[in-house]
C-alpha atoms as a PDB file:
ATOM      1  CA  UNK A   1     -36.990  34.611 -27.448  1.00  0.00           C
ATOM      2  CA  UNK A   2     -34.865  31.300 -27.546  1.00  0.00           C
ATOM      3  CA  UNK A   3     -32.274  30.490 -24.911  1.00  0.00           C
ATOM      4  CA  UNK A   4     -29.100  28.163 -25.022  1.00  0.00           C
ATOM      5  CA  UNK A   5     -27.360  26.969 -21.965  1.00  0.00           C
ATOM      6  CA  UNK A   6     -23.593  26.162 -22.513  1.00  0.00           C
ATOM      7  CA  UNK A   7     -21.388  27.759 -25.002  1.00  0.00           C
ATOM      8  CA  UNK A   8     -19.441  24.595 -26.157  1.00  0.00           C
ATOM      9  CA  UNK A   9     -18.960  24.061 -29.995  1.00  0.00           C
ATOM     10  CA  UNK A  10     -22.560  22.932 -30.222  1.00  0.00           C
ATOM     11  CA  UNK A  11     -24.172  25.682 -28.179  1.00  0.00           C
ATOM     12  CA  UNK A  12     -22.133  28.422 -30.167  1.00  0.00           C
ATOM     13  CA  UNK A  13     -23.169  26.971 -33.557  1.00  0.00           C
ATOM     14  CA  UNK A  14     -26.845  26.462 -32.821  1.00  0.00           C
ATOM     15  CA  UNK A  15     -27.304  29.830 -31.173  1.00  0.00           C
ATOM     16  CA  UNK A  16     -25.760  31.838 -33.938  1.00  0.00           C
ATOM     17  CA  UNK A  17     -27.912  29.507 -36.438  1.00  0.00           C
ATOM     18  CA  UNK A  18     -30.999  30.369 -34.579  1.00  0.00           C
ATOM     19  CA  UNK A  19     -30.297  34.078 -34.399  1.00  0.00           C
ATOM     20  CA  UNK A  20     -29.651  33.750 -38.229  1.00  0.00           C
ATOM     21  CA  UNK A  21     -33.193  32.587 -38.679  1.00  0.00           C
ATOM     22  CA  UNK A  22     -34.531  35.885 -37.225  1.00  0.00           C
ATOM     23  CA  UNK A  23     -35.025  34.646 -33.642  1.00  0.00           C
ATOM     24  CA  UNK A  24     -33.936  36.644 -30.522  1.00  0.00           C
ATOM     25  CA  UNK A  25     -31.427  34.423 -28.789  1.00  0.00           C
ATOM     26  CA  UNK A  26     -29.882  34.426 -25.190  1.00  0.00           C
ATOM     27  CA  UNK A  27     -26.942  32.271 -24.894  1.00  0.00           C
ATOM     28  CA  UNK A  28     -25.865  31.402 -21.328  1.00  0.00           C
ATOM     29  CA  UNK A  29     -22.791  30.079 -19.865  1.00  0.00           C
ATOM     30  CA  UNK A  30     -21.586  30.464 -16.200  1.00  0.00           C
ATOM     31  CA  UNK A  31     -18.092  31.441 -17.354  1.00  0.00           C
ATOM     32  CA  UNK A  32     -18.259  35.218 -17.572  1.00  0.00           C
ATOM     33  CA  UNK A  33     -14.939  35.324 -19.222  1.00  0.00           C
ATOM     34  CA  UNK A  34     -16.229  33.200 -22.045  1.00  0.00           C
ATOM     35  CA  UNK A  35     -19.353  35.051 -22.438  1.00  0.00           C
ATOM     36  CA  UNK A  36     -17.412  38.364 -22.725  1.00  0.00           C
ATOM     37  CA  UNK A  37     -15.116  36.904 -25.519  1.00  0.00           C
ATOM     38  CA  UNK A  38     -18.134  35.511 -27.396  1.00  0.00           C
ATOM     39  CA  UNK A  39     -20.105  39.075 -27.249  1.00  0.00           C
ATOM     40  CA  UNK A  40     -16.755  40.602 -28.453  1.00  0.00           C
ATOM     41  CA  UNK A  41     -16.770  37.911 -31.458  1.00  0.00           C
ATOM     42  CA  UNK A  42     -13.933  36.084 -30.197  1.00  0.00           C
ATOM     43  CA  UNK A  43     -14.927  32.335 -30.500  1.00  0.00           C
ATOM     44  CA  UNK A  44     -12.924  29.169 -29.502  1.00  0.00           C
ATOM     45  CA  UNK A  45     -14.103  27.372 -32.669  1.00  0.00           C
ATOM     46  CA  UNK A  46     -13.099  27.411 -36.139  1.00  0.00           C
ATOM     47  CA  UNK A  47     -16.106  27.165 -38.454  1.00  0.00           C
ATOM     48  CA  UNK A  48     -16.271  28.185 -42.077  1.00  0.00           C
ATOM     49  CA  UNK A  49     -18.163  31.350 -42.218  1.00  0.00           C
ATOM     50  CA  UNK A  50     -18.856  31.613 -38.428  1.00  0.00           C
ATOM     51  CA  UNK A  51     -17.413  34.861 -37.835  1.00  0.00           C
ATOM     52  CA  UNK A  52     -19.075  36.481 -40.986  1.00  0.00           C
ATOM     53  CA  UNK A  53     -22.402  35.062 -39.719  1.00  0.00           C
ATOM     54  CA  UNK A  54     -21.875  36.457 -36.263  1.00  0.00           C
ATOM     55  CA  UNK A  55     -21.144  39.920 -37.696  1.00  0.00           C
ATOM     56  CA  UNK A  56     -24.342  40.005 -39.781  1.00  0.00           C
ATOM     57  CA  UNK A  57     -26.577  38.736 -37.013  1.00  0.00           C
ATOM     58  CA  UNK A  58     -25.003  40.040 -33.764  1.00  0.00           C
ATOM     59  CA  UNK A  59     -27.937  42.353 -33.122  1.00  0.00           C
ATOM     60  CA  UNK A  60     -30.003  39.102 -32.300  1.00  0.00           C
ATOM     61  CA  UNK A  61     -27.854  37.183 -29.978  1.00  0.00           C
ATOM     62  CA  UNK A  62     -26.657  38.069 -26.405  1.00  0.00           C
ATOM     63  CA  UNK A  63     -24.164  36.235 -24.455  1.00  0.00           C
ATOM     64  CA  UNK A  64     -24.538  36.259 -20.728  1.00  0.00           C
ATOM     65  CA  UNK A  65     -23.352  34.556 -17.380  1.00  0.00           C
ATOM     66  CA  UNK A  66     -26.066  36.311 -15.398  1.00  0.00           C
ATOM     67  CA  UNK A  67     -28.521  33.738 -14.087  1.00  0.00           C
ATOM     68  CA  UNK A  68     -31.261  36.123 -13.728  1.00  0.00           C
END
């Protein structure tokens, strides 16, 4: 399992790219509303193919604001 801290543009892209490489990913951000939107597939960035990649690999990435 690989973890990413911070769901800025860079954290979102790297986290999803890592999940697409068949790794289990935990993506953390202290903003609970942001992590909930990401888990629902609603991202604040616009990258070509990002939504499709998320749909394909969403089972391997978990977004959380829980510190434990």
